[in-house]
Amino acid sequence: MGFFSYLCRPNVICVRRMPVRRYIFIVSLALCSVLANAFTRLTPETAHFVSLHGDAGYSALLHNVPDLPPSAGMSTMIGVDYRLFHNNFIFSAGVEGMYEFNVNRMDELDVTIPMMDTEGELFNMHVLVDKSTDLAHMVNLNIPILFGGEWGRFYFMVGPKVSLNFYGSTSSKAQITTYGEYDRAYDDFYDMLNHGFVSNQYMGSASVPLKWNMNILAHMEIGGRIGHMFKHKQFRLNPDKIRMYVAAYADFGVLNLHTGTNGEPVFGWRETEEGVQFFSQPLMNSTLSNGATFRNLNVGIKFTVAFEMPKHGKSFLYDEYQSERDYRKRGGNQGYKNGK
């Protein structure tokens, strides 16, 4: 149907809508044009920097588990990079450590367990599970490779980050209330410890290891230089040798982070000599996450300090042979020759 597709309804004016893939293609093409223009200049200027950066912000763990909202949390990163400035073009590559922490929201449960009391009478034990706290931790090593441009005090960078997992753990706990329901009794039975009826008692799982998949993060940051705001002597004397930046950033995980496919039930129980014992399973290790897709989205603020690397100037070597021949360079009284 041509470059645009048409959305039409009876008696309504047609609206043209550009397909998403073509929209992404046009944006990418425009971005490449901007970077190419930033790289090219009649009088090229090149500088090399080593930079340190720290990031902090909000983290969301997006998933397709039915009836559960995305997991909220926080993330923080610290890293070191090499930066190349060529005209207005920027290239950056380095390593960074990332810590991400997410809280998974779990639904309240009302579980009914058919049981028999000490007198051999059947009853239903109701278990109310609420105030659940489900935590997931992630420590990754990121390798960012970024491209961008800088004009005046404004800059931007985009590119991929390869994210390798080094540590992961998860845990859960919840508050339970149990009571007994008998057919012959008018009221239910509460707070009878000898029968296992308790109120607002906590149960939980210990912290268990969690392996996350390798990930590719699509990164974007937009910000500006702020070094002129500081009155320190070094920033006044060397405004271009020490550069400071503040930016807003976003990282979106392209790949599925979840590795498990054989999880345990979220809630379970077992009978022991001391009575019924209840336990919970973290979301990431539960049957709810079997076959589910998890991707992370991080947004926040990034602070960077860049230090210019020493520039190599023209060097000269002392030539003893020419000095003995009383060789003199024009405009001087010492014999030298150009170094390689």
C-alpha atoms as a PDB file:
ATOM      1  CA  MET A   1       0.000   0.000   0.000  1.00  0.00           C
ATOM      2  CA  GLY A   2       3.001   2.261  -0.449  1.00  0.00           C
ATOM      3  CA  PHE A   3       5.096   3.999   2.160  1.00  0.00           C
ATOM      4  CA  PHE A   4       2.129   4.676   4.442  1.00  0.00           C
ATOM      5  CA  SER A   5      -0.696   2.357   5.462  1.00  0.00           C
ATOM      6  CA  TYR A   6      -4.254   3.667   5.664  1.00  0.00           C
ATOM      7  CA  LEU A   7      -6.666   3.360   8.573  1.00  0.00           C
ATOM      8  CA  CYS A   8     -10.268   3.838   7.355  1.00  0.00           C
ATOM      9  CA  ARG A   9     -13.670   3.365   8.890  1.00  0.00           C
ATOM     10  CA  PRO A  10     -17.066   3.981   7.281  1.00  0.00           C
ATOM     11  CA  ASN A  11     -17.985   7.669   7.111  1.00  0.00           C
ATOM     12  CA  VAL A  12     -14.636   8.639   8.653  1.00  0.00           C
ATOM     13  CA  ILE A  13     -11.755  10.423   6.980  1.00  0.00           C
ATOM     14  CA  CYS A  14      -8.852   8.059   6.298  1.00  0.00           C
ATOM     15  CA  VAL A  15      -5.744   8.496   8.450  1.00  0.00           C
ATOM     16  CA  ARG A  16      -2.303   7.549   7.220  1.00  0.00           C
ATOM     17  CA  ARG A  17      -0.063   5.697   9.700  1.00  0.00           C
ATOM     18  CA  MET A  18       3.588   4.862   9.168  1.00  0.00           C
ATOM     19  CA  PRO A  19       4.590   1.254  10.012  1.00  0.00           C
ATOM     20  CA  VAL A  20       6.749   0.966  13.150  1.00  0.00           C
ATOM     21  CA  ARG A  21       9.682  -0.672  11.343  1.00  0.00           C
ATOM     22  CA  ARG A  22       9.867   2.128   8.797  1.00  0.00           C
ATOM     23  CA  TYR A  23       9.643   4.706  11.563  1.00  0.00           C
ATOM     24  CA  ILE A  24      12.600   3.070  13.340  1.00  0.00           C
ATOM     25  CA  PHE A  25      14.506   2.964  10.051  1.00  0.00           C
ATOM     26  CA  ILE A  26      13.972   6.683   9.430  1.00  0.00           C
ATOM     27  CA  VAL A  27      15.039   7.612  12.976  1.00  0.00           C
ATOM     28  CA  SER A  28      18.164   5.420  12.655  1.00  0.00           C
ATOM     29  CA  LEU A  29      19.007   6.978   9.289  1.00  0.00           C
ATOM     30  CA  ALA A  30      18.633  10.483  10.724  1.00  0.00           C
ATOM     31  CA  LEU A  31      20.839   9.558  13.683  1.00  0.00           C
ATOM     32  CA  CYS A  32      23.545   8.173  11.379  1.00  0.00           C
ATOM     33  CA  SER A  33      23.449  11.413   9.376  1.00  0.00           C
ATOM     34  CA  VAL A  34      23.939  13.452  12.540  1.00  0.00           C
ATOM     35  CA  LEU A  35      26.916  11.307  13.602  1.00  0.00           C
ATOM     36  CA  ALA A  36      28.478  11.510  10.141  1.00  0.00           C
ATOM     37  CA  ASN A  37      28.173  15.300  10.195  1.00  0.00           C
ATOM     38  CA  ALA A  38      29.709  15.395  13.681  1.00  0.00           C
ATOM     39  CA  PHE A  39      32.699  13.337  12.477  1.00  0.00           C
ATOM     40  CA  THR A  40      33.497  15.480   9.400  1.00  0.00           C
ATOM     41  CA  ARG A  41      35.067  18.928   9.570  1.00  0.00           C
ATOM     42  CA  LEU A  42      37.560  20.861   7.413  1.00  0.00           C
ATOM     43  CA  THR A  43      39.860  21.508  10.416  1.00  0.00           C
ATOM     44  CA  PRO A  44      39.691  18.254  12.441  1.00  0.00           C
ATOM     45  CA  GLU A  45      40.274  18.280  16.197  1.00  0.00           C
ATOM     46  CA  THR A  46      40.982  15.061  18.087  1.00  0.00           C
ATOM     47  CA  ALA A  47      41.294  14.480  21.843  1.00  0.00           C
ATOM     48  CA  HIS A  48      41.510  11.356  24.002  1.00  0.00           C
ATOM     49  CA  PHE A  49      40.023  11.064  27.492  1.00  0.00           C
ATOM     50  CA  VAL A  50      39.738   8.601  30.362  1.00  0.00           C
ATOM     51  CA  SER A  51      36.418   9.028  32.162  1.00  0.00           C
ATOM     52  CA  LEU A  52      34.818   7.812  35.375  1.00  0.00           C
ATOM     53  CA  HIS A  53      31.042   7.663  35.748  1.00  0.00           C
ATOM     54  CA  GLY A  54      28.414   6.786  38.320  1.00  0.00           C
ATOM     55  CA  ASP A  55      24.738   6.100  37.579  1.00  0.00           C
ATOM     56  CA  ALA A  56      21.709   5.659  39.803  1.00  0.00           C
ATOM     57  CA  GLY A  57      18.002   5.404  39.098  1.00  0.00           C
ATOM     58  CA  TYR A  58      14.766   3.461  38.908  1.00  0.00           C
ATOM     59  CA  SER A  59      14.648  -0.122  37.697  1.00  0.00           C
ATOM     60  CA  ALA A  60      11.677  -2.098  36.411  1.00  0.00           C
ATOM     61  CA  LEU A  61      11.619  -5.820  35.714  1.00  0.00           C
ATOM     62  CA  LEU A  62       9.108  -6.207  32.890  1.00  0.00           C
ATOM     63  CA  HIS A  63       7.488  -9.627  32.472  1.00  0.00           C
ATOM     64  CA  ASN A  64       4.481 -11.414  31.004  1.00  0.00           C
ATOM     65  CA  VAL A  65       3.373 -13.301  34.132  1.00  0.00           C
ATOM     66  CA  PRO A  66      -0.452 -13.107  34.139  1.00  0.00           C
ATOM     67  CA  ASP A  67      -2.132 -10.774  36.649  1.00  0.00           C
ATOM     68  CA  LEU A  68       1.145  -9.533  38.171  1.00  0.00           C
ATOM     69  CA  PRO A  69       2.408  -5.939  37.727  1.00  0.00           C
ATOM     70  CA  PRO A  70       6.020  -5.216  36.680  1.00  0.00           C
ATOM     71  CA  SER A  71       8.595  -5.476  39.444  1.00  0.00           C
ATOM     72  CA  ALA A  72       9.874  -2.132  40.729  1.00  0.00           C
ATOM     73  CA  GLY A  73      13.299  -1.428  42.185  1.00  0.00           C
ATOM     74  CA  MET A  74      16.538   0.501  41.787  1.00  0.00           C
ATOM     75  CA  SER A  75      19.816   0.154  39.933  1.00  0.00           C
ATOM     76  CA  THR A  76      23.253   1.683  40.264  1.00  0.00           C
ATOM     77  CA  MET A  77      26.394   1.530  38.115  1.00  0.00           C
ATOM     78  CA  ILE A  78      30.014   2.658  38.340  1.00  0.00           C
ATOM     79  CA  GLY A  79      32.521   2.398  35.511  1.00  0.00           C
ATOM     80  CA  VAL A  80      35.607   3.590  33.652  1.00  0.00           C
ATOM     81  CA  ASP A  81      35.709   4.409  29.935  1.00  0.00           C
ATOM     82  CA  TYR A  82      37.971   5.514  27.121  1.00  0.00           C
ATOM     83  CA  ARG A  83      36.543   8.443  25.144  1.00  0.00           C
ATOM     84  CA  LEU A  84      37.569   9.709  21.744  1.00  0.00           C
ATOM     85  CA  PHE A  85      36.490  13.207  20.695  1.00  0.00           C
ATOM     86  CA  HIS A  86      36.899  13.877  16.953  1.00  0.00           C
ATOM     87  CA  ASN A  87      35.378  17.212  15.997  1.00  0.00           C
ATOM     88  CA  ASN A  88      31.856  16.908  17.441  1.00  0.00           C
ATOM     89  CA  PHE A  89      31.876  13.092  17.280  1.00  0.00           C
ATOM     90  CA  ILE A  90      32.220  10.940  20.442  1.00  0.00           C
ATOM     91  CA  PHE A  91      33.224   7.294  20.722  1.00  0.00           C
ATOM     92  CA  SER A  92      33.267   5.596  24.120  1.00  0.00           C
ATOM     93  CA  ALA A  93      34.136   2.059  25.270  1.00  0.00           C
ATOM     94  CA  GLY A  94      34.771   0.699  28.749  1.00  0.00           C
ATOM     95  CA  VAL A  95      33.554  -1.505  31.575  1.00  0.00           C
ATOM     96  CA  GLU A  96      31.106  -0.922  34.412  1.00  0.00           C
ATOM     97  CA  GLY A  97      29.715  -2.801  37.368  1.00  0.00           C
ATOM     98  CA  MET A  98      25.931  -2.855  37.749  1.00  0.00           C
ATOM     99  CA  TYR A  99      23.808  -3.734  40.765  1.00  0.00           C
ATOM    100  CA  GLU A 100      20.048  -4.115  40.323  1.00  0.00           C
ATOM    101  CA  PHE A 101      17.468  -4.762  43.012  1.00  0.00           C
ATOM    102  CA  ASN A 102      13.795  -5.540  42.310  1.00  0.00           C
ATOM    103  CA  VAL A 103      10.716  -6.141  44.458  1.00  0.00           C
ATOM    104  CA  ASN A 104       8.113  -8.479  42.956  1.00  0.00           C
ATOM    105  CA  ARG A 105       4.527  -7.903  44.023  1.00  0.00           C
ATOM    106  CA  MET A 106       2.620 -11.099  44.805  1.00  0.00           C
ATOM    107  CA  ASP A 107      -1.140 -11.616  45.071  1.00  0.00           C
ATOM    108  CA  GLU A 108      -2.854 -12.423  48.340  1.00  0.00           C
ATOM    109  CA  LEU A 109      -3.764 -16.093  48.720  1.00  0.00           C
ATOM    110  CA  ASP A 110      -6.592 -17.909  50.482  1.00  0.00           C
ATOM    111  CA  VAL A 111      -5.731 -21.604  50.538  1.00  0.00           C
ATOM    112  CA  THR A 112      -8.036 -24.339  51.927  1.00  0.00           C
ATOM    113  CA  ILE A 113      -6.421 -27.553  53.204  1.00  0.00           C
ATOM    114  CA  PRO A 114      -8.620 -30.563  54.187  1.00  0.00           C
ATOM    115  CA  MET A 115      -7.276 -31.922  57.495  1.00  0.00           C
ATOM    116  CA  MET A 116      -8.110 -34.167  60.442  1.00  0.00           C
ATOM    117  CA  ASP A 117      -7.766 -33.037  64.056  1.00  0.00           C
ATOM    118  CA  THR A 118      -6.428 -35.070  66.999  1.00  0.00           C
ATOM    119  CA  GLU A 119      -9.914 -36.470  67.671  1.00  0.00           C
ATOM    120  CA  GLY A 120     -10.235 -37.805  64.122  1.00  0.00           C
ATOM    121  CA  GLU A 121     -12.723 -35.160  62.996  1.00  0.00           C
ATOM    122  CA  LEU A 122     -12.432 -33.637  59.538  1.00  0.00           C
ATOM    123  CA  PHE A 123     -12.185 -29.877  59.112  1.00  0.00           C
ATOM    124  CA  ASN A 124     -10.868 -27.314  56.613  1.00  0.00           C
ATOM    125  CA  MET A 125      -7.813 -25.278  57.515  1.00  0.00           C
ATOM    126  CA  HIS A 126      -7.829 -21.889  55.813  1.00  0.00           C
ATOM    127  CA  VAL A 127      -4.473 -20.188  55.222  1.00  0.00           C
ATOM    128  CA  LEU A 128      -4.535 -16.469  54.389  1.00  0.00           C
ATOM    129  CA  VAL A 129      -1.255 -15.291  52.837  1.00  0.00           C
ATOM    130  CA  ASP A 130      -0.657 -11.544  52.500  1.00  0.00           C
ATOM    131  CA  LYS A 131       1.988  -8.815  52.901  1.00  0.00           C
ATOM    132  CA  SER A 132       4.302 -10.767  50.660  1.00  0.00           C
ATOM    133  CA  THR A 133       7.828  -9.464  50.061  1.00  0.00           C
ATOM    134  CA  ASP A 134       9.651 -11.004  47.104  1.00  0.00           C
ATOM    135  CA  LEU A 135      13.172  -9.778  46.337  1.00  0.00           C
ATOM    136  CA  ALA A 136      15.575 -10.353  43.446  1.00  0.00           C
ATOM    137  CA  HIS A 137      19.218  -9.188  43.258  1.00  0.00           C
ATOM    138  CA  MET A 138      21.524  -8.946  40.253  1.00  0.00           C
ATOM    139  CA  VAL A 139      25.237  -8.040  39.908  1.00  0.00           C
ATOM    140  CA  ASN A 140      26.458  -7.746  36.307  1.00  0.00           C
ATOM    141  CA  LEU A 141      29.546  -6.638  34.414  1.00  0.00           C
ATOM    142  CA  ASN A 142      28.603  -4.368  31.496  1.00  0.00           C
ATOM    143  CA  ILE A 143      30.716  -3.600  28.436  1.00  0.00           C
ATOM    144  CA  PRO A 144      29.314  -0.423  26.796  1.00  0.00           C
ATOM    145  CA  ILE A 145      30.241   0.612  23.238  1.00  0.00           C
ATOM    146  CA  LEU A 146      28.677   4.009  22.589  1.00  0.00           C
ATOM    147  CA  PHE A 147      28.598   6.634  19.838  1.00  0.00           C
ATOM    148  CA  GLY A 148      27.370  10.199  19.963  1.00  0.00           C
ATOM    149  CA  GLY A 149      28.040  13.864  19.469  1.00  0.00           C
ATOM    150  CA  GLU A 150      28.755  17.021  21.456  1.00  0.00           C
ATOM    151  CA  TRP A 151      27.850  20.573  20.480  1.00  0.00           C
ATOM    152  CA  GLY A 152      28.633  23.355  22.927  1.00  0.00           C
ATOM    153  CA  ARG A 153      27.508  22.044  26.295  1.00  0.00           C
ATOM    154  CA  PHE A 154      24.950  19.579  24.910  1.00  0.00           C
ATOM    155  CA  TYR A 155      25.804  15.953  24.155  1.00  0.00           C
ATOM    156  CA  PHE A 156      24.166  12.585  23.552  1.00  0.00           C
ATOM    157  CA  MET A 157      25.348   8.979  23.202  1.00  0.00           C
ATOM    158  CA  VAL A 158      23.655   5.753  22.110  1.00  0.00           C
ATOM    159  CA  GLY A 159      24.766   2.181  21.660  1.00  0.00           C
ATOM    160  CA  PRO A 160      24.706  -1.374  23.055  1.00  0.00           C
ATOM    161  CA  LYS A 161      25.943  -2.749  26.365  1.00  0.00           C
ATOM    162  CA  VAL A 162      26.880  -6.405  26.713  1.00  0.00           C
ATOM    163  CA  SER A 163      25.775  -7.435  30.224  1.00  0.00           C
ATOM    164  CA  LEU A 164      27.295 -10.551  31.879  1.00  0.00           C
ATOM    165  CA  ASN A 165      25.858 -11.888  35.126  1.00  0.00           C
ATOM    166  CA  PHE A 166      28.221 -12.603  38.046  1.00  0.00           C
ATOM    167  CA  TYR A 167      25.813 -12.912  40.979  1.00  0.00           C
ATOM    168  CA  GLY A 168      22.108 -13.331  41.567  1.00  0.00           C
ATOM    169  CA  SER A 169      19.875 -14.232  44.488  1.00  0.00           C
ATOM    170  CA  THR A 170      16.215 -14.193  45.414  1.00  0.00           C
ATOM    171  CA  SER A 171      14.132 -14.609  48.562  1.00  0.00           C
ATOM    172  CA  SER A 172      10.563 -14.230  49.761  1.00  0.00           C
ATOM    173  CA  LYS A 173       8.579 -13.915  52.949  1.00  0.00           C
ATOM    174  CA  ALA A 174       4.919 -13.371  53.772  1.00  0.00           C
ATOM    175  CA  GLN A 175       2.507 -13.042  56.657  1.00  0.00           C
ATOM    176  CA  ILE A 176       0.024 -15.879  57.263  1.00  0.00           C
ATOM    177  CA  THR A 177      -3.154 -16.284  59.303  1.00  0.00           C
ATOM    178  CA  THR A 178      -4.696 -19.729  59.760  1.00  0.00           C
ATOM    179  CA  TYR A 179      -8.103 -20.733  61.114  1.00  0.00           C
ATOM    180  CA  GLY A 180     -10.274 -23.859  61.244  1.00  0.00           C
ATOM    181  CA  GLU A 181     -13.702 -24.357  59.683  1.00  0.00           C
ATOM    182  CA  TYR A 182     -15.901 -27.186  61.060  1.00  0.00           C
ATOM    183  CA  ASP A 183     -19.267 -28.153  59.576  1.00  0.00           C
ATOM    184  CA  ARG A 184     -20.783 -28.664  63.044  1.00  0.00           C
ATOM    185  CA  ALA A 185     -19.472 -25.393  64.506  1.00  0.00           C
ATOM    186  CA  TYR A 186     -21.234 -22.088  64.038  1.00  0.00           C
ATOM    187  CA  ASP A 187     -18.032 -19.994  64.198  1.00  0.00           C
ATOM    188  CA  ASP A 188     -14.552 -20.608  62.855  1.00  0.00           C
ATOM    189  CA  PHE A 189     -11.665 -21.305  65.243  1.00  0.00           C
ATOM    190  CA  TYR A 190      -8.862 -18.726  65.527  1.00  0.00           C
ATOM    191  CA  ASP A 191      -5.683 -18.348  67.606  1.00  0.00           C
ATOM    192  CA  MET A 192      -5.401 -21.895  68.924  1.00  0.00           C
ATOM    193  CA  LEU A 193      -1.685 -22.726  68.848  1.00  0.00           C
ATOM    194  CA  ASN A 194      -2.220 -26.375  69.828  1.00  0.00           C
ATOM    195  CA  HIS A 195      -4.334 -26.788  66.663  1.00  0.00           C
ATOM    196  CA  GLY A 196      -2.016 -24.730  64.462  1.00  0.00           C
ATOM    197  CA  PHE A 197      -4.314 -21.720  64.237  1.00  0.00           C
ATOM    198  CA  VAL A 198      -2.156 -18.536  64.328  1.00  0.00           C
ATOM    199  CA  SER A 199      -2.544 -14.888  63.324  1.00  0.00           C
ATOM    200  CA  ASN A 200      -0.072 -12.626  61.498  1.00  0.00           C
ATOM    201  CA  GLN A 201       2.820 -15.070  61.619  1.00  0.00           C
ATOM    202  CA  TYR A 202       5.698 -14.706  59.172  1.00  0.00           C
ATOM    203  CA  MET A 203       6.977 -17.465  56.923  1.00  0.00           C
ATOM    204  CA  GLY A 204       9.609 -17.215  54.251  1.00  0.00           C
ATOM    205  CA  SER A 205      12.381 -18.755  52.202  1.00  0.00           C
ATOM    206  CA  ALA A 206      16.079 -18.287  52.722  1.00  0.00           C
ATOM    207  CA  SER A 207      18.084 -16.419  50.117  1.00  0.00           C
ATOM    208  CA  VAL A 208      18.718 -18.818  47.228  1.00  0.00           C
ATOM    209  CA  PRO A 209      21.056 -18.422  44.232  1.00  0.00           C
ATOM    210  CA  LEU A 210      19.539 -17.091  41.019  1.00  0.00           C
ATOM    211  CA  LYS A 211      21.249 -17.237  37.631  1.00  0.00           C
ATOM    212  CA  TRP A 212      20.403 -14.532  35.106  1.00  0.00           C
ATOM    213  CA  ASN A 213      20.994 -14.872  31.366  1.00  0.00           C
ATOM    214  CA  MET A 214      23.465 -12.760  29.435  1.00  0.00           C
ATOM    215  CA  ASN A 215      21.791  -9.599  28.207  1.00  0.00           C
ATOM    216  CA  ILE A 216      22.157  -6.857  25.611  1.00  0.00           C
ATOM    217  CA  LEU A 217      21.137  -3.410  26.878  1.00  0.00           C
ATOM    218  CA  ALA A 218      20.108  -0.703  24.423  1.00  0.00           C
ATOM    219  CA  HIS A 219      21.539   2.482  25.982  1.00  0.00           C
ATOM    220  CA  MET A 220      20.727   6.149  25.428  1.00  0.00           C
ATOM    221  CA  GLU A 221      21.863   9.218  27.367  1.00  0.00           C
ATOM    222  CA  ILE A 222      21.259  12.936  26.830  1.00  0.00           C
ATOM    223  CA  GLY A 223      22.900  15.642  28.923  1.00  0.00           C
ATOM    224  CA  GLY A 224      25.374  18.491  29.094  1.00  0.00           C
ATOM    225  CA  ARG A 225      28.683  19.753  30.474  1.00  0.00           C
ATOM    226  CA  ILE A 226      28.608  21.346  33.919  1.00  0.00           C
ATOM    227  CA  GLY A 227      32.312  21.929  34.680  1.00  0.00           C
ATOM    228  CA  HIS A 228      31.890  25.697  34.349  1.00  0.00           C
ATOM    229  CA  MET A 229      29.688  25.641  37.461  1.00  0.00           C
ATOM    230  CA  PHE A 230      32.611  24.690  39.734  1.00  0.00           C
ATOM    231  CA  LYS A 231      35.116  27.242  41.036  1.00  0.00           C
ATOM    232  CA  HIS A 232      37.965  24.805  41.738  1.00  0.00           C
ATOM    233  CA  LYS A 233      41.343  25.972  40.410  1.00  0.00           C
ATOM    234  CA  GLN A 234      41.800  22.952  38.129  1.00  0.00           C
ATOM    235  CA  PHE A 235      38.494  23.548  36.376  1.00  0.00           C
ATOM    236  CA  ARG A 236      39.281  27.231  35.841  1.00  0.00           C
ATOM    237  CA  LEU A 237      42.794  26.626  34.478  1.00  0.00           C
ATOM    238  CA  ASN A 238      41.959  23.522  32.405  1.00  0.00           C
ATOM    239  CA  PRO A 239      38.330  23.780  31.306  1.00  0.00           C
ATOM    240  CA  ASP A 240      38.849  21.352  28.395  1.00  0.00           C
ATOM    241  CA  LYS A 241      41.275  18.940  30.054  1.00  0.00           C
ATOM    242  CA  ILE A 242      38.841  18.052  32.849  1.00  0.00           C
ATOM    243  CA  ARG A 243      35.235  17.825  31.702  1.00  0.00           C
ATOM    244  CA  MET A 244      32.172  17.071  33.827  1.00  0.00           C
ATOM    245  CA  TYR A 245      28.802  15.910  32.541  1.00  0.00           C
ATOM    246  CA  VAL A 246      25.337  15.196  33.903  1.00  0.00           C
ATOM    247  CA  ALA A 247      22.855  13.247  31.792  1.00  0.00           C
ATOM    248  CA  ALA A 248      19.574  11.388  31.886  1.00  0.00           C
ATOM    249  CA  TYR A 249      19.944   7.792  30.707  1.00  0.00           C
ATOM    250  CA  ALA A 250      17.841   4.762  29.817  1.00  0.00           C
ATOM    251  CA  ASP A 251      18.848   1.096  29.472  1.00  0.00           C
ATOM    252  CA  PHE A 252      16.436  -1.440  27.985  1.00  0.00           C
ATOM    253  CA  GLY A 253      17.187  -5.161  28.058  1.00  0.00           C
ATOM    254  CA  VAL A 254      16.691  -6.753  24.658  1.00  0.00           C
ATOM    255  CA  LEU A 255      17.095 -10.411  25.701  1.00  0.00           C
ATOM    256  CA  ASN A 256      15.165 -12.593  28.149  1.00  0.00           C
ATOM    257  CA  LEU A 257      16.866 -12.640  31.567  1.00  0.00           C
ATOM    258  CA  HIS A 258      14.991 -15.644  32.964  1.00  0.00           C
ATOM    259  CA  THR A 259      16.630 -19.080  32.900  1.00  0.00           C
ATOM    260  CA  GLY A 260      14.268 -21.290  34.940  1.00  0.00           C
ATOM    261  CA  THR A 261      11.542 -23.488  33.478  1.00  0.00           C
ATOM    262  CA  ASN A 262      10.850 -25.993  36.302  1.00  0.00           C
ATOM    263  CA  GLY A 263       9.781 -23.890  39.250  1.00  0.00           C
ATOM    264  CA  GLU A 264       8.100 -24.913  42.474  1.00  0.00           C
ATOM    265  CA  PRO A 265       4.615 -23.785  43.615  1.00  0.00           C
ATOM    266  CA  VAL A 266       4.531 -20.299  45.127  1.00  0.00           C
ATOM    267  CA  PHE A 267       2.891 -21.630  48.304  1.00  0.00           C
ATOM    268  CA  GLY A 268       3.187 -25.073  49.849  1.00  0.00           C
ATOM    269  CA  TRP A 269       2.972 -27.009  53.086  1.00  0.00           C
ATOM    270  CA  ARG A 270       4.168 -30.238  54.669  1.00  0.00           C
ATOM    271  CA  GLU A 271       3.043 -32.147  57.735  1.00  0.00           C
ATOM    272  CA  THR A 272       5.646 -32.641  60.456  1.00  0.00           C
ATOM    273  CA  GLU A 273       5.642 -34.061  63.976  1.00  0.00           C
ATOM    274  CA  GLU A 274       5.202 -30.527  65.269  1.00  0.00           C
ATOM    275  CA  GLY A 275       2.248 -29.810  62.984  1.00  0.00           C
ATOM    276  CA  VAL A 276       1.793 -28.281  59.563  1.00  0.00           C
ATOM    277  CA  GLN A 277       4.744 -26.291  58.215  1.00  0.00           C
ATOM    278  CA  PHE A 278       4.135 -23.667  55.511  1.00  0.00           C
ATOM    279  CA  PHE A 279       6.661 -22.328  53.023  1.00  0.00           C
ATOM    280  CA  SER A 280       6.787 -19.887  50.120  1.00  0.00           C
ATOM    281  CA  GLN A 281       8.740 -19.827  46.865  1.00  0.00           C
ATOM    282  CA  PRO A 282      10.194 -16.667  45.255  1.00  0.00           C
ATOM    283  CA  LEU A 283       8.534 -15.624  42.005  1.00  0.00           C
ATOM    284  CA  MET A 284      11.660 -16.188  39.888  1.00  0.00           C
ATOM    285  CA  ASN A 285      11.890 -19.833  41.058  1.00  0.00           C
ATOM    286  CA  SER A 286       8.161 -20.565  41.054  1.00  0.00           C
ATOM    287  CA  THR A 287       5.781 -22.207  38.616  1.00  0.00           C
ATOM    288  CA  LEU A 288       4.351 -18.756  37.824  1.00  0.00           C
ATOM    289  CA  SER A 289       7.530 -17.894  35.953  1.00  0.00           C
ATOM    290  CA  ASN A 290       7.745 -21.116  33.930  1.00  0.00           C
ATOM    291  CA  GLY A 291       8.218 -20.031  30.327  1.00  0.00           C
ATOM    292  CA  ALA A 292       7.844 -16.345  31.239  1.00  0.00           C
ATOM    293  CA  THR A 293       9.963 -13.563  29.716  1.00  0.00           C
ATOM    294  CA  PHE A 294      11.732 -11.024  31.932  1.00  0.00           C
ATOM    295  CA  ARG A 295      13.411  -7.854  30.638  1.00  0.00           C
ATOM    296  CA  ASN A 296      14.839  -4.984  32.649  1.00  0.00           C
ATOM    297  CA  LEU A 297      14.344  -1.261  32.079  1.00  0.00           C
ATOM    298  CA  ASN A 298      16.552   1.227  33.949  1.00  0.00           C
ATOM    299  CA  VAL A 299      16.220   5.019  33.873  1.00  0.00           C
ATOM    300  CA  GLY A 300      18.111   7.543  35.959  1.00  0.00           C
ATOM    301  CA  ILE A 301      20.870  10.141  36.214  1.00  0.00           C
ATOM    302  CA  LYS A 302      24.488   9.672  35.099  1.00  0.00           C
ATOM    303  CA  PHE A 303      27.446  11.747  36.336  1.00  0.00           C
ATOM    304  CA  THR A 304      30.741  11.650  34.392  1.00  0.00           C
ATOM    305  CA  VAL A 305      34.199  13.162  34.921  1.00  0.00           C
ATOM    306  CA  ALA A 306      36.552  12.946  31.908  1.00  0.00           C
ATOM    307  CA  PHE A 307      40.322  13.551  32.111  1.00  0.00           C
ATOM    308  CA  GLU A 308      42.249  14.342  28.935  1.00  0.00           C
ATOM    309  CA  MET A 309      45.157  12.017  28.177  1.00  0.00           C
ATOM    310  CA  PRO A 310      48.620  13.539  27.530  1.00  0.00           C
ATOM    311  CA  LYS A 311      49.213  14.695  23.984  1.00  0.00           C
ATOM    312  CA  HIS A 312      52.400  13.652  22.171  1.00  0.00           C
ATOM    313  CA  GLY A 313      54.263  16.683  20.869  1.00  0.00           C
ATOM    314  CA  LYS A 314      57.235  16.913  18.481  1.00  0.00           C
ATOM    315  CA  SER A 315      60.431  15.418  19.909  1.00  0.00           C
ATOM    316  CA  PHE A 316      64.153  15.958  19.178  1.00  0.00           C
ATOM    317  CA  LEU A 317      67.199  13.744  19.719  1.00  0.00           C
ATOM    318  CA  TYR A 318      70.711  14.953  20.497  1.00  0.00           C
ATOM    319  CA  ASP A 319      73.144  14.175  17.611  1.00  0.00           C
ATOM    320  CA  GLU A 320      76.694  13.941  18.966  1.00  0.00           C
ATOM    321  CA  TYR A 321      78.222  13.443  15.508  1.00  0.00           C
ATOM    322  CA  GLN A 322      76.820  16.671  14.126  1.00  0.00           C
ATOM    323  CA  SER A 323      77.791  18.548  17.286  1.00  0.00           C
ATOM    324  CA  GLU A 324      81.415  17.470  16.868  1.00  0.00           C
ATOM    325  CA  ARG A 325      81.350  18.817  13.289  1.00  0.00           C
ATOM    326  CA  ASP A 326      80.233  22.146  14.743  1.00  0.00           C
ATOM    327  CA  TYR A 327      76.801  21.760  13.144  1.00  0.00           C
ATOM    328  CA  ARG A 328      74.417  24.617  13.921  1.00  0.00           C
ATOM    329  CA  LYS A 329      70.692  24.753  13.331  1.00  0.00           C
ATOM    330  CA  ARG A 330      69.447  28.079  12.090  1.00  0.00           C
ATOM    331  CA  GLY A 331      68.149  30.086  14.993  1.00  0.00           C
ATOM    332  CA  GLY A 332      69.926  28.020  17.683  1.00  0.00           C
ATOM    333  CA  ASN A 333      73.255  27.032  19.137  1.00  0.00           C
ATOM    334  CA  GLN A 334      72.794  23.284  19.784  1.00  0.00           C
ATOM    335  CA  GLY A 335      72.807  20.365  17.367  1.00  0.00           C
ATOM    336  CA  TYR A 336      69.600  18.293  17.176  1.00  0.00           C
ATOM    337  CA  LYS A 337      67.930  15.993  14.750  1.00  0.00           C
ATOM    338  CA  ASN A 338      64.247  15.154  14.447  1.00  0.00           C
ATOM    339  CA  GLY A 339      63.208  12.063  16.384  1.00  0.00           C
ATOM    340  CA  LYS A 340      61.152   9.298  14.979  1.00  0.00           C
END
